């Protein structure tokens, strides 16, 4: 999978409110009312990630879950990252 151009990355970020770029990754933090609610969210993301065969880096801190996406095999951001980020956005409902 080919790396996206800077223009394509910018366009992708404009379509994903709250996601930002950090180096060669896109990231977003989510806050939940309880730890268990955040873990249920991570479980839903895990199923979607397995289906996509593309897995985010996930950091869990009590009620905050941080997702980071990058296509390591391509050395940066690809369409796969933005596709999975869009799926993650749809999974935020408890």
N, C-alpha and C. Protein backbone atom coordinates (compact mmCIF):
# COMPACT_ATOMS: atom_id res chain seq x y z
N UNK A 1 0.85 -1.18 0.00
CA UNK A 1 0.00 0.00 0.00
C UNK A 1 0.89 1.24 0.00
N UNK A 2 0.56 2.19 -0.86
CA UNK A 2 1.38 3.39 -1.02
C UNK A 2 1.09 4.43 0.05
N UNK A 3 2.16 5.12 0.45
CA UNK A 3 2.01 6.23 1.39
C UNK A 3 1.19 7.34 0.73
N UNK A 4 0.42 8.03 1.57
CA UNK A 4 -0.37 9.16 1.09
C UNK A 4 0.50 10.41 0.96
N UNK A 5 0.10 11.28 0.06
CA UNK A 5 0.78 12.57 -0.06
C UNK A 5 0.35 13.46 1.10
N UNK A 6 1.07 14.55 1.30
CA UNK A 6 0.70 15.50 2.36
C UNK A 6 -0.70 16.04 2.14
N UNK A 7 -1.06 16.32 0.89
CA UNK A 7 -2.41 16.82 0.59
C UNK A 7 -3.46 15.78 0.94
N UNK A 8 -3.19 14.51 0.63
CA UNK A 8 -4.15 13.45 0.95
C UNK A 8 -4.29 13.26 2.46
N UNK A 9 -3.18 13.39 3.18
CA UNK A 9 -3.25 13.30 4.65
C UNK A 9 -4.10 14.44 5.20
N UNK A 10 -3.87 15.64 4.71
CA UNK A 10 -4.66 16.79 5.16
C UNK A 10 -6.14 16.61 4.89
N UNK A 11 -6.46 16.11 3.72
CA UNK A 11 -7.85 15.86 3.35
C UNK A 11 -8.46 14.80 4.27
N UNK A 12 -7.71 13.75 4.54
CA UNK A 12 -8.19 12.69 5.42
C UNK A 12 -8.45 13.20 6.83
N UNK A 13 -7.56 14.05 7.34
CA UNK A 13 -7.74 14.60 8.69
C UNK A 13 -8.94 15.53 8.77
N UNK A 14 -9.19 16.27 7.72
CA UNK A 14 -10.37 17.16 7.71
C UNK A 14 -11.67 16.37 7.83
N UNK A 15 -11.66 15.14 7.37
CA UNK A 15 -12.85 14.28 7.42
C UNK A 15 -12.98 13.54 8.75
N UNK A 16 -11.98 13.69 9.63
CA UNK A 16 -11.98 12.96 10.91
C UNK A 16 -11.80 13.93 12.07
N UNK A 17 -12.88 14.54 12.55
CA UNK A 17 -12.79 15.51 13.65
C UNK A 17 -12.10 14.92 14.88
N UNK A 18 -11.16 15.69 15.40
CA UNK A 18 -10.47 15.29 16.62
C UNK A 18 -9.19 14.49 16.38
N UNK A 19 -9.02 13.97 15.19
CA UNK A 19 -7.79 13.23 14.86
C UNK A 19 -6.72 14.25 14.47
N UNK A 20 -5.50 14.00 14.89
CA UNK A 20 -4.38 14.87 14.55
C UNK A 20 -3.21 14.01 14.07
N UNK A 21 -2.27 14.69 13.46
CA UNK A 21 -1.08 13.99 12.99
C UNK A 21 0.04 14.16 14.00
N UNK A 22 0.71 13.07 14.28
CA UNK A 22 1.92 13.08 15.10
C UNK A 22 2.98 12.30 14.35
N UNK A 23 3.84 13.00 13.67
CA UNK A 23 4.87 12.35 12.87
C UNK A 23 4.24 11.53 11.75
N UNK A 24 4.51 10.25 11.73
CA UNK A 24 3.98 9.36 10.69
C UNK A 24 2.75 8.59 11.17
N UNK A 25 1.99 9.18 12.11
CA UNK A 25 0.78 8.53 12.62
C UNK A 25 -0.34 9.55 12.75
N UNK A 26 -1.58 9.05 12.77
CA UNK A 26 -2.72 9.87 13.14
C UNK A 26 -3.19 9.34 14.49
N UNK A 27 -3.61 10.27 15.37
CA UNK A 27 -3.96 9.89 16.73
C UNK A 27 -5.23 10.60 17.20
N UNK A 28 -5.89 9.95 18.16
CA UNK A 28 -7.03 10.57 18.81
C UNK A 28 -7.23 9.92 20.17
N UNK A 29 -7.60 10.74 21.15
CA UNK A 29 -7.92 10.24 22.48
C UNK A 29 -9.43 10.28 22.70
N UNK A 30 -9.92 9.27 23.39
CA UNK A 30 -11.34 9.16 23.72
C UNK A 30 -11.46 9.04 25.23
N UNK A 31 -12.42 9.74 25.81
CA UNK A 31 -12.65 9.68 27.25
C UNK A 31 -14.02 9.08 27.51
N UNK A 32 -14.07 8.16 28.47
CA UNK A 32 -15.30 7.45 28.81
C UNK A 32 -15.64 7.69 30.28
N UNK A 33 -16.88 7.43 30.64
CA UNK A 33 -17.33 7.64 32.02
C UNK A 33 -16.67 6.66 32.98
N UNK A 34 -16.44 5.43 32.51
CA UNK A 34 -15.84 4.42 33.38
C UNK A 34 -14.74 3.68 32.63
N UNK A 35 -13.89 3.04 33.40
CA UNK A 35 -12.84 2.21 32.83
C UNK A 35 -13.45 1.10 31.98
N UNK A 36 -14.48 0.45 32.50
CA UNK A 36 -15.12 -0.67 31.78
C UNK A 36 -15.70 -0.22 30.44
N UNK A 37 -16.26 0.97 30.39
CA UNK A 37 -16.80 1.49 29.12
C UNK A 37 -15.68 1.66 28.10
N UNK A 38 -14.53 2.15 28.53
CA UNK A 38 -13.38 2.29 27.64
C UNK A 38 -12.89 0.94 27.14
N UNK A 39 -12.90 -0.06 28.00
CA UNK A 39 -12.45 -1.39 27.61
C UNK A 39 -13.43 -2.01 26.61
N UNK A 40 -14.72 -1.78 26.79
CA UNK A 40 -15.70 -2.28 25.81
C UNK A 40 -15.46 -1.64 24.44
N UNK A 41 -15.11 -0.35 24.43
CA UNK A 41 -14.77 0.34 23.20
C UNK A 41 -13.55 -0.31 22.55
N UNK A 42 -12.52 -0.59 23.33
CA UNK A 42 -11.32 -1.23 22.81
C UNK A 42 -11.66 -2.60 22.23
N UNK A 43 -12.55 -3.34 22.88
CA UNK A 43 -12.97 -4.64 22.35
C UNK A 43 -13.62 -4.49 20.97
N UNK A 44 -14.46 -3.47 20.80
CA UNK A 44 -15.10 -3.25 19.50
C UNK A 44 -14.07 -2.87 18.44
N UNK A 45 -13.10 -2.04 18.83
CA UNK A 45 -12.03 -1.66 17.91
C UNK A 45 -11.21 -2.89 17.52
N UNK A 46 -10.95 -3.77 18.47
CA UNK A 46 -10.16 -4.98 18.19
C UNK A 46 -10.82 -5.84 17.11
N UNK A 47 -12.13 -5.98 17.17
CA UNK A 47 -12.85 -6.77 16.17
C UNK A 47 -12.71 -6.11 14.79
N UNK A 48 -12.92 -4.80 14.73
CA UNK A 48 -12.81 -4.07 13.46
C UNK A 48 -11.38 -4.14 12.93
N UNK A 49 -10.40 -4.03 13.80
CA UNK A 49 -8.99 -4.07 13.38
C UNK A 49 -8.62 -5.45 12.82
N UNK A 50 -9.11 -6.50 13.47
CA UNK A 50 -8.84 -7.83 12.94
C UNK A 50 -9.47 -8.03 11.57
N UNK A 51 -10.70 -7.55 11.40
CA UNK A 51 -11.36 -7.65 10.09
C UNK A 51 -10.57 -6.92 9.01
N UNK A 52 -10.02 -5.76 9.37
CA UNK A 52 -9.27 -4.94 8.41
C UNK A 52 -7.82 -5.42 8.27
N UNK A 53 -7.39 -6.31 9.14
CA UNK A 53 -6.00 -6.76 9.19
C UNK A 53 -5.07 -5.54 9.28
N UNK A 54 -5.46 -4.62 10.16
CA UNK A 54 -4.71 -3.38 10.37
C UNK A 54 -4.97 -2.98 11.82
N UNK A 55 -3.92 -2.85 12.62
CA UNK A 55 -4.09 -2.73 14.06
C UNK A 55 -3.50 -1.44 14.62
N UNK A 56 -4.30 -0.71 15.39
CA UNK A 56 -3.81 0.54 15.98
C UNK A 56 -2.92 0.25 17.19
N UNK A 57 -2.10 1.21 17.53
CA UNK A 57 -1.44 1.21 18.83
C UNK A 57 -2.47 1.80 19.79
N UNK A 58 -2.71 1.12 20.89
CA UNK A 58 -3.75 1.53 21.83
C UNK A 58 -3.12 1.75 23.20
N UNK A 59 -3.37 2.92 23.78
CA UNK A 59 -2.90 3.24 25.12
C UNK A 59 -4.13 3.48 26.00
N UNK A 60 -4.26 2.70 27.07
CA UNK A 60 -5.40 2.80 27.97
C UNK A 60 -4.91 3.38 29.29
N UNK A 61 -5.52 4.49 29.71
CA UNK A 61 -5.20 5.15 30.97
C UNK A 61 -6.50 5.46 31.69
N UNK A 62 -6.90 4.59 32.58
CA UNK A 62 -8.13 4.70 33.35
C UNK A 62 -9.32 4.91 32.43
N UNK A 63 -9.85 6.12 32.29
CA UNK A 63 -11.02 6.32 31.44
C UNK A 63 -10.68 6.94 30.08
N UNK A 64 -9.40 7.00 29.77
CA UNK A 64 -8.96 7.57 28.49
C UNK A 64 -8.30 6.49 27.65
N UNK A 65 -8.70 6.43 26.39
CA UNK A 65 -8.13 5.48 25.43
C UNK A 65 -7.57 6.31 24.28
N UNK A 66 -6.31 6.08 23.96
CA UNK A 66 -5.66 6.80 22.86
C UNK A 66 -5.38 5.81 21.74
N UNK A 67 -5.81 6.16 20.54
CA UNK A 67 -5.57 5.35 19.35
C UNK A 67 -4.52 6.05 18.49
N UNK A 68 -3.59 5.27 17.95
CA UNK A 68 -2.60 5.78 17.01
C UNK A 68 -2.53 4.81 15.83
N UNK A 69 -2.61 5.36 14.64
CA UNK A 69 -2.59 4.55 13.42
C UNK A 69 -1.46 4.98 12.49
N UNK A 70 -0.74 3.99 11.98
CA UNK A 70 0.29 4.19 10.98
C UNK A 70 0.50 2.86 10.28
N UNK A 71 0.84 2.90 9.02
CA UNK A 71 1.12 1.66 8.28
C UNK A 71 2.63 1.47 8.30
N UNK A 72 3.09 0.71 9.27
CA UNK A 72 4.54 0.55 9.47
C UNK A 72 5.22 -0.05 8.25
N UNK A 73 4.55 -0.98 7.57
CA UNK A 73 5.17 -1.62 6.40
C UNK A 73 5.37 -0.63 5.25
N UNK A 74 4.60 0.45 5.23
CA UNK A 74 4.75 1.48 4.19
C UNK A 74 5.61 2.65 4.67
N UNK A 75 5.93 2.66 5.94
CA UNK A 75 6.75 3.74 6.48
C UNK A 75 6.00 5.04 6.68
N UNK A 76 4.69 4.96 6.90
CA UNK A 76 3.91 6.18 7.12
C UNK A 76 2.43 5.93 6.97
N UNK A 77 1.73 6.96 6.58
CA UNK A 77 0.27 6.93 6.52
C UNK A 77 -0.23 6.46 5.15
N UNK A 78 -1.21 5.55 5.19
CA UNK A 78 -1.83 5.06 3.97
C UNK A 78 -3.35 5.15 4.13
N UNK A 79 -4.04 4.79 3.08
CA UNK A 79 -5.51 4.77 3.09
C UNK A 79 -6.03 3.86 4.20
N UNK A 80 -5.31 2.78 4.50
CA UNK A 80 -5.73 1.85 5.56
C UNK A 80 -5.90 2.57 6.90
N UNK A 81 -5.03 3.52 7.19
CA UNK A 81 -5.10 4.24 8.46
C UNK A 81 -6.37 5.07 8.55
N UNK A 82 -6.69 5.75 7.48
CA UNK A 82 -7.88 6.60 7.48
C UNK A 82 -9.16 5.77 7.42
N UNK A 83 -9.12 4.65 6.73
CA UNK A 83 -10.30 3.76 6.70
C UNK A 83 -10.59 3.21 8.10
N UNK A 84 -9.54 2.76 8.81
CA UNK A 84 -9.76 2.22 10.15
C UNK A 84 -10.15 3.33 11.12
N UNK A 85 -9.58 4.51 10.99
CA UNK A 85 -9.97 5.63 11.85
C UNK A 85 -11.45 5.94 11.67
N UNK A 86 -11.94 5.90 10.45
CA UNK A 86 -13.38 6.13 10.20
C UNK A 86 -14.22 5.06 10.88
N UNK A 87 -13.77 3.82 10.82
CA UNK A 87 -14.50 2.74 11.50
C UNK A 87 -14.48 2.95 13.01
N UNK A 88 -13.35 3.35 13.55
CA UNK A 88 -13.24 3.60 14.99
C UNK A 88 -14.22 4.68 15.41
N UNK A 89 -14.33 5.72 14.60
CA UNK A 89 -15.27 6.80 14.92
C UNK A 89 -16.70 6.27 15.06
N UNK A 90 -17.06 5.32 14.23
CA UNK A 90 -18.43 4.77 14.29
C UNK A 90 -18.63 3.85 15.50
N UNK A 91 -17.55 3.46 16.15
CA UNK A 91 -17.63 2.53 17.28
C UNK A 91 -17.63 3.23 18.65
N UNK A 92 -17.70 4.53 18.68
CA UNK A 92 -17.59 5.24 19.97
C UNK A 92 -18.83 5.12 20.83
N UNK A 93 -19.97 4.76 20.27
CA UNK A 93 -21.18 4.61 21.10
C UNK A 93 -21.01 3.43 22.03
N UNK A 94 -21.37 3.58 23.31
CA UNK A 94 -21.21 2.48 24.27
C UNK A 94 -22.02 1.25 23.92
